Protein backbone atom coordinates (compact mmCIF):
# COMPACT_ATOMS: atom_id res chain seq x y z
CA MET A 1 -12.76 19.45 0.20
CA GLU A 2 -15.65 21.12 -1.57
CA GLY A 3 -16.14 23.28 -4.81
CA VAL A 4 -14.00 21.15 -6.76
CA GLN A 5 -14.14 21.76 -10.24
CA GLY A 6 -12.29 19.19 -12.79
CA ALA A 7 -11.85 15.75 -13.33
CA PHE A 8 -9.62 13.93 -11.04
CA LYS A 9 -9.27 10.15 -10.57
CA PRO A 10 -8.63 8.15 -7.37
CA GLU A 11 -4.79 7.63 -6.73
CA GLU A 12 -3.92 10.63 -8.72
CA THR A 13 -1.32 12.80 -7.15
CA ILE A 14 -2.30 16.73 -6.97
CA SER A 15 -0.47 19.64 -5.66
CA LEU A 16 -2.67 21.87 -3.14
CA THR A 17 -1.68 25.42 -1.97
CA TYR A 18 -3.21 26.86 1.11
CA LYS A 19 -1.82 30.37 1.75
CA ASN A 20 1.93 30.18 1.40
CA ASN A 21 1.84 26.64 2.27
CA LYS A 22 1.97 23.82 -0.75
CA GLY A 23 1.63 20.05 -0.41
CA ARG A 24 1.08 16.99 -2.45
CA PHE A 25 -1.80 14.87 -1.91
CA ARG A 26 -3.35 11.50 -3.37
CA VAL A 27 -7.12 11.68 -4.48
CA SER A 28 -9.05 9.23 -2.31
CA TRP A 29 -12.17 9.77 -3.71
CA MET A 30 -14.32 12.01 -6.13
CA GLY A 31 -18.18 12.77 -5.68
CA ASN A 32 -20.35 11.75 -8.34
CA THR A 33 -22.31 14.45 -10.41
CA GLY A 34 -25.85 14.51 -9.27
CA THR A 35 -25.16 13.18 -6.07
CA ASP A 36 -24.92 14.59 -2.56
CA THR A 37 -21.37 14.33 -2.88
CA ALA A 38 -20.77 16.31 -6.25
CA GLY A 39 -18.03 18.82 -5.99
CA GLN A 40 -16.26 17.14 -3.13
CA MET A 41 -13.12 14.95 -2.91
CA GLY A 42 -11.19 13.31 -0.49
CA VAL A 43 -7.33 13.49 -0.37
CA GLU A 44 -4.69 11.89 1.64
CA SER A 45 -1.37 13.90 2.28
CA ILE A 46 1.61 12.15 0.92
CA ASP A 47 3.82 13.61 3.55
CA PRO A 48 1.56 13.03 6.57
CA ALA A 49 4.09 15.03 8.87
CA LYS A 50 3.53 18.25 7.22
CA CYS A 51 0.06 20.06 7.61
CA ILE A 52 -0.47 23.00 5.18
CA TRP A 53 -3.64 24.03 6.96
CA ASP A 54 -4.04 26.61 9.75
CA ALA A 55 -4.18 24.07 12.66
CA ALA A 56 -6.63 26.52 14.52
CA ILE A 57 -9.35 26.50 11.89
CA LEU A 58 -9.36 22.88 10.89
CA PRO A 59 -12.56 21.03 12.12
CA PRO A 60 -12.32 17.86 14.57
CA THR A 61 -10.88 15.02 12.87
CA THR A 62 -13.66 12.53 11.86
CA ALA A 63 -13.79 9.31 10.26
CA ASP A 64 -14.06 9.53 6.38
CA THR A 65 -17.43 7.63 5.92
CA TYR A 66 -17.19 7.93 2.18
CA ALA A 67 -16.51 4.50 0.36
CA THR A 68 -15.96 3.84 -3.02
CA LYS A 69 -17.09 0.69 -4.49
CA VAL A 70 -14.07 -0.91 -5.59
CA LYS A 71 -13.81 -4.24 -7.14
CA GLU A 72 -10.94 -6.62 -5.37
CA ARG A 73 -8.36 -7.11 -8.17
CA ARG A 74 -6.15 -9.21 -6.28
CA GLN A 75 -6.59 -13.19 -7.22
CA HIS A 76 -5.48 -13.95 -3.48
CA PRO A 77 -7.00 -11.53 -0.55
CA ARG A 78 -4.04 -10.22 1.47
CA VAL A 79 -3.97 -11.00 5.41
CA PRO A 80 -2.41 -8.60 7.72
CA CYS A 81 0.81 -9.76 9.41
CA LYS A 82 4.01 -8.45 10.74
CA LEU A 83 6.79 -10.52 9.37
CA GLY A 84 10.73 -10.01 8.80
CA ALA A 85 11.94 -10.44 5.43
CA GLU A 86 15.28 -10.25 3.46
CA LEU A 87 15.22 -8.57 -0.03
CA TYR A 88 17.75 -9.03 -2.58
CA MET A 89 17.64 -6.99 -5.85
CA GLN A 90 18.32 -9.18 -9.06
CA GLY A 91 22.21 -8.77 -9.89
CA SER A 92 22.93 -7.67 -6.34
CA GLU A 93 24.09 -9.72 -3.17
CA ALA A 94 23.41 -7.07 -0.71
CA GLN A 95 20.43 -7.62 1.31
CA ILE A 96 17.65 -5.24 2.69
CA ARG A 97 15.92 -6.06 5.57
CA VAL A 98 12.01 -5.22 5.26
CA ASP A 99 8.91 -5.60 7.20
CA VAL A 100 6.03 -7.34 5.62
CA THR A 101 2.66 -5.92 6.66
CA ASN A 102 0.24 -8.04 4.72
CA ILE A 103 0.53 -11.28 2.64
CA SER A 104 -1.30 -13.68 0.47
CA VAL A 105 -0.20 -16.51 -1.59
CA GLY A 106 0.11 -14.19 -4.68
CA GLY A 107 2.17 -11.41 -2.91
CA CYS A 108 2.63 -9.01 -0.07
CA PHE A 109 3.29 -5.65 0.90
CA MET A 110 6.55 -4.32 2.39
CA GLU A 111 7.49 -1.13 4.28
CA MET A 112 10.05 0.71 2.73
CA PRO A 113 11.06 4.53 3.03
CA THR A 114 13.29 4.24 -0.11
CA LEU A 115 12.17 2.39 -3.27
CA PRO A 116 13.68 0.07 -5.58
CA PRO A 117 13.12 0.50 -9.30
CA ASP A 118 9.23 0.00 -10.61
CA LYS A 119 9.03 -3.51 -11.85
CA ALA A 120 12.27 -4.78 -10.55
CA ARG A 121 12.80 -8.54 -10.12
CA LEU A 122 13.61 -9.57 -6.55
CA LYS A 123 14.12 -12.52 -4.23
CA ILE A 124 12.68 -12.49 -0.90
CA ILE A 125 13.30 -14.70 2.00
CA LEU A 126 10.38 -14.62 4.49
CA TRP A 127 10.48 -15.96 7.88
CA ALA A 128 6.91 -17.47 8.28
CA ALA A 129 7.03 -18.93 11.83
CA VAL A 130 9.76 -21.43 11.84
CA ASN A 131 10.04 -21.62 8.03
CA LYS A 132 12.45 -19.86 6.01
CA LEU A 133 10.49 -19.31 2.57
CA THR A 134 12.27 -18.28 -0.71
CA ILE A 135 10.18 -16.63 -3.39
CA GLN A 136 10.96 -14.94 -6.66
CA SER A 137 9.08 -11.75 -7.25
CA VAL A 138 8.52 -8.70 -9.05
CA ILE A 139 7.69 -5.34 -7.82
CA ALA A 140 3.81 -4.78 -8.55
CA SER A 141 3.43 -1.03 -7.37
CA ARG A 142 5.38 1.35 -5.44
CA ARG A 143 4.08 3.99 -2.82
CA PRO A 144 6.62 6.61 -2.07
CA GLY A 145 7.28 7.14 1.80
CA PHE A 146 5.24 3.65 2.46
CA GLY A 147 6.77 0.67 0.89
CA ILE A 148 6.28 -1.72 -2.26
CA SER A 149 3.45 -4.21 -3.33
CA ILE A 150 5.13 -7.56 -4.40
CA LYS A 151 3.79 -10.15 -6.67
CA PHE A 152 5.11 -13.50 -6.31
CA THR A 153 6.15 -15.09 -9.41
CA GLU A 154 8.18 -18.42 -8.50
CA MET A 155 8.32 -20.71 -5.53
CA THR A 156 8.57 -24.30 -5.23
CA GLU A 157 5.48 -26.43 -4.53
CA GLU A 158 6.68 -27.12 -1.09
CA VAL A 159 7.27 -23.31 -0.33
CA ARG A 160 3.91 -22.78 -1.72
CA GLN A 161 2.21 -25.14 0.90
CA GLN A 162 4.18 -23.97 3.55
CA LEU A 163 3.02 -20.40 2.77
CA GLN A 164 -0.59 -21.53 2.44
CA ARG A 165 -0.48 -23.06 5.80
CA PHE A 166 1.10 -20.16 7.24
CA ILE A 167 -1.58 -17.67 5.89
CA HIS A 168 -4.37 -19.92 7.06
CA SER A 169 -2.75 -19.80 10.58
CA LEU A 170 -2.79 -16.05 10.35
CA VAL A 171 -6.52 -16.07 9.46
CA LEU A 172 -7.40 -18.42 12.43
CA ARG A 173 -5.38 -16.24 14.90
CA SER A 174 -7.56 -12.98 13.73
CA GLU A 175 -10.90 -14.73 14.11
């Protein structure tokens, strides 16, 4: 988007209107004053299935080449994966089956269309190869329509070692 006025922050949710169509978007990046990208911003639709623009006037899609300099906040880098897991909310015996799409020794991301409460405590059972790993966790962040980021809070030393070996095997497979 060009001609943007105002101060917006990455990850901020905004509402945009085009003609009679309205949609919610997440700010991906903002151009800095005095640069070639001043007055520009990148946005990502929160509901990718909904398009508020006239398809006939849209330019062909291209890769977003703008990259913000983001400092990695995670203590342990995440590795892409596709794991099945069972999720148990604190105080509930009901299990929720989820897919884990990335993992580290410190946490993971789970795809979930409906989200549990923010900062909820969870017990997770991960199926890492042939090992069944039970880990106490807390929700670190939520992305509506996508899923939840999990921070692992408690696990036995044996589970930690099994998880480290499993993640190492994922890294070796991707090289």
